[in-house]
Structures are given as C-alpha cells and as structure tokens.
Amino acid sequence: MNDFFANWYELFGLINGFSDDMYNQELYVPIGFCMVLIPIIALTLYYYVINSVRLSKWWQWLLLVVIICAVNFAIAYGVSYRGILEEYLASDTLPEYALAIDCLTFACINTSWCFVISFVWSLIIKWGSSHCRRTPF
C-alpha cells in the first residue's frame, strides 16, 4: 500500500529527502487512506443519508467538499510533520530540508487529490440520490 500511495503523491514530483522520509516511515498509508475514505464517507452521507432538498444546491456541495479538503489538508500536514519530526528528534539530528515547507507542499498535493476524488465520487454516486441527483450540476 505504501508503494501505491507513494506513486500517487509523487506523480507531481519528488520532494528531495522529504519523499524518502515519508516512504521509509510509511506515512503515505494512513494519509492516503484518509484522503480516500473521508470524501467517500462524507459524500455518501450527503447523497444518501442527509439527501435533503434544502441542501441540494451546488454551493452547498462545494462547501462540503471544501470542508473535506480542509480536513484532509490538516491530516496530511499534521501526520507528516509529526511523523518525520519525531523520527529526527529520536536520532538527535535535524532534517536537511525545510520540513514545514515540504509538509505544506505535501498537504497541498493531498488536498488536490482529495478534491479530484470528491468530484469523481460525486459523479459516480449522485444518480441514486432522490433529492441531490443534480448536485453539483
């Protein structure tokens, strides 16, 4: 699974040093699962459980997707920063790269993929919804 998610994230390019640390500590896996599962669960709830006429506007769907992306951004940043920093603190060394900036870049990549997953998942499952069938368009 680590290879699968590493290939996804590194499609935009490797971040020297940071990508190696992420891979070696297998941090791609928990972040990748959150990136996939949070949009799937949240949007399935939106389309099939909530399924309200009052919440079937495109901008309400977009607000939900922005919230999903923000949560995934926070998870990606927090898990990657904490995981790598703990490893370096345990060995009494510091990374040779700007950890905060690389974590921010990684979190932005994660957010981009999260948006893509949210959009595609919405297109797949919206047709079964009785009230939100035409959301987002």
Protein backbone atom coordinates (compact mmCIF):
# COMPACT_ATOMS: atom_id res chain seq x y z
CA MET A 1 0.00 0.00 0.00
CA ASN A 2 2.89 2.34 0.71
CA ASP A 3 4.05 2.00 -2.91
CA PHE A 4 0.56 2.65 -4.23
CA PHE A 5 0.07 5.90 -2.32
CA ALA A 6 3.69 6.99 -2.82
CA ASN A 7 3.20 6.73 -6.58
CA TRP A 8 0.02 8.80 -6.34
CA TYR A 9 1.62 11.57 -4.32
CA GLU A 10 4.89 11.60 -6.20
CA LEU A 11 3.14 11.90 -9.56
CA PHE A 12 3.54 15.67 -9.14
CA GLY A 13 7.25 15.16 -8.47
CA LEU A 14 9.55 14.06 -5.69
CA ILE A 15 10.38 16.35 -2.83
CA ASN A 16 14.04 15.50 -2.21
CA GLY A 17 14.68 13.99 1.19
CA PHE A 18 11.10 14.50 2.34
CA SER A 19 9.67 11.88 -0.01
CA ASP A 20 12.27 9.37 1.14
CA ASP A 21 11.43 10.01 4.79
CA MET A 22 7.71 9.72 4.10
CA TYR A 23 8.23 6.44 2.29
CA ASN A 24 10.65 4.93 4.82
CA GLN A 25 8.34 5.71 7.73
CA GLU A 26 5.28 4.52 5.78
CA LEU A 27 3.43 7.76 6.39
CA TYR A 28 1.82 7.64 2.96
CA VAL A 29 -0.53 4.84 4.01
CA PRO A 30 -2.55 6.48 6.82
CA ILE A 31 -2.69 9.80 4.99
CA GLY A 32 -3.72 8.07 1.75
CA PHE A 33 -6.48 6.11 3.47
CA CYS A 34 -7.84 9.32 4.98
CA MET A 35 -7.62 11.02 1.58
CA VAL A 36 -9.77 8.28 0.03
CA LEU A 37 -12.13 7.33 2.85
CA ILE A 38 -13.14 10.75 4.21
CA PRO A 39 -14.60 12.01 0.89
CA ILE A 40 -16.25 8.67 0.16
CA ILE A 41 -17.93 8.50 3.57
CA ALA A 42 -18.87 12.19 3.77
CA LEU A 43 -20.30 12.36 0.25
CA THR A 44 -22.15 9.07 0.63
CA LEU A 45 -23.76 10.50 3.76
CA TYR A 46 -24.57 13.71 1.87
CA TYR A 47 -26.21 11.95 -1.06
CA TYR A 48 -27.97 9.05 0.67
CA VAL A 49 -28.45 9.80 4.38
CA ILE A 50 -28.94 13.57 4.52
CA ASN A 51 -30.43 13.70 0.99
CA SER A 52 -32.28 16.96 1.65
CA VAL A 53 -33.90 19.27 -0.87
CA ARG A 54 -32.67 22.19 1.24
CA LEU A 55 -29.05 21.02 0.82
CA SER A 56 -29.16 20.23 -2.89
CA LYS A 57 -27.57 23.46 -4.13
CA TRP A 58 -24.23 23.39 -5.93
CA TRP A 59 -22.63 25.85 -3.49
CA GLN A 60 -23.63 23.70 -0.50
CA TRP A 61 -21.98 20.72 -2.15
CA LEU A 62 -18.90 22.84 -2.81
CA LEU A 63 -18.83 23.96 0.83
CA LEU A 64 -18.89 20.31 1.91
CA VAL A 65 -16.05 19.46 -0.48
CA VAL A 66 -14.02 22.43 0.79
CA ILE A 67 -14.53 21.21 4.37
CA ILE A 68 -13.49 17.70 3.34
CA CYS A 69 -10.38 19.09 1.65
CA ALA A 70 -9.54 21.26 4.68
CA VAL A 71 -9.77 18.25 6.99
CA ASN A 72 -7.52 16.26 4.66
CA PHE A 73 -5.07 19.17 4.46
CA ALA A 74 -4.82 19.26 8.26
CA ILE A 75 -4.38 15.49 8.50
CA ALA A 76 -1.68 15.41 5.80
CA TYR A 77 0.24 18.30 7.32
CA GLY A 78 -0.06 17.11 10.91
CA VAL A 79 0.75 13.45 10.34
CA SER A 80 3.68 14.11 8.01
CA TYR A 81 5.18 16.86 10.19
CA ARG A 82 4.79 14.97 13.44
CA GLY A 83 5.95 11.64 11.99
CA ILE A 84 9.12 12.99 10.42
CA LEU A 85 9.94 15.33 13.29
CA GLU A 86 9.61 12.53 15.85
CA GLU A 87 11.99 10.37 13.84
CA TYR A 88 14.61 13.11 13.67
CA LEU A 89 14.20 14.06 17.33
CA ALA A 90 14.71 10.43 18.34
CA SER A 91 18.02 10.39 16.47
CA ASP A 92 19.10 13.85 17.73
CA THR A 93 19.51 15.21 14.20
CA LEU A 94 17.62 17.68 12.09
CA PRO A 95 16.33 17.18 8.54
CA GLU A 96 18.42 18.65 5.76
CA TYR A 97 15.39 20.27 4.19
CA ALA A 98 12.72 22.77 5.20
CA LEU A 99 10.33 20.40 6.94
CA ALA A 100 7.43 22.81 7.38
CA ILE A 101 7.51 23.94 3.74
CA ASP A 102 7.75 20.38 2.44
CA CYS A 103 4.86 19.30 4.69
CA LEU A 104 2.85 22.27 3.39
CA THR A 105 3.61 21.26 -0.21
CA PHE A 106 2.66 17.68 0.53
CA ALA A 107 -0.58 18.79 2.20
CA CYS A 108 -1.46 20.86 -0.89
CA ILE A 109 -0.86 17.83 -3.13
CA ASN A 110 -3.04 15.74 -0.81
CA THR A 111 -5.77 18.38 -0.97
CA SER A 112 -5.66 18.39 -4.77
CA TRP A 113 -6.10 14.62 -4.91
CA CYS A 114 -8.86 14.83 -2.30
CA PHE A 115 -10.75 17.30 -4.49
CA VAL A 116 -10.39 15.02 -7.52
CA ILE A 117 -11.64 12.02 -5.52
CA SER A 118 -14.57 14.07 -4.16
CA PHE A 119 -15.58 15.25 -7.61
CA VAL A 120 -15.34 11.83 -9.24
CA TRP A 121 -17.11 10.09 -6.35
CA SER A 122 -19.93 12.65 -6.55
CA LEU A 123 -20.35 11.97 -10.25
CA ILE A 124 -20.50 8.23 -9.59
CA ILE A 125 -22.98 8.15 -6.71
CA LYS A 126 -25.22 11.17 -7.25
CA TRP A 127 -27.61 9.35 -9.57
CA GLY A 128 -29.01 7.17 -6.77
CA SER A 129 -29.99 10.15 -4.65
CA SER A 130 -33.62 11.20 -4.77
CA HIS A 131 -33.11 14.89 -3.92
CA CYS A 132 -29.43 15.63 -4.65
CA ARG A 133 -29.31 13.92 -8.05
CA ARG A 134 -28.45 17.16 -9.85
CA THR A 135 -25.85 18.34 -7.36
CA PRO A 136 -23.26 19.72 -8.12
CA PHE A 137 -24.66 20.10 -11.66
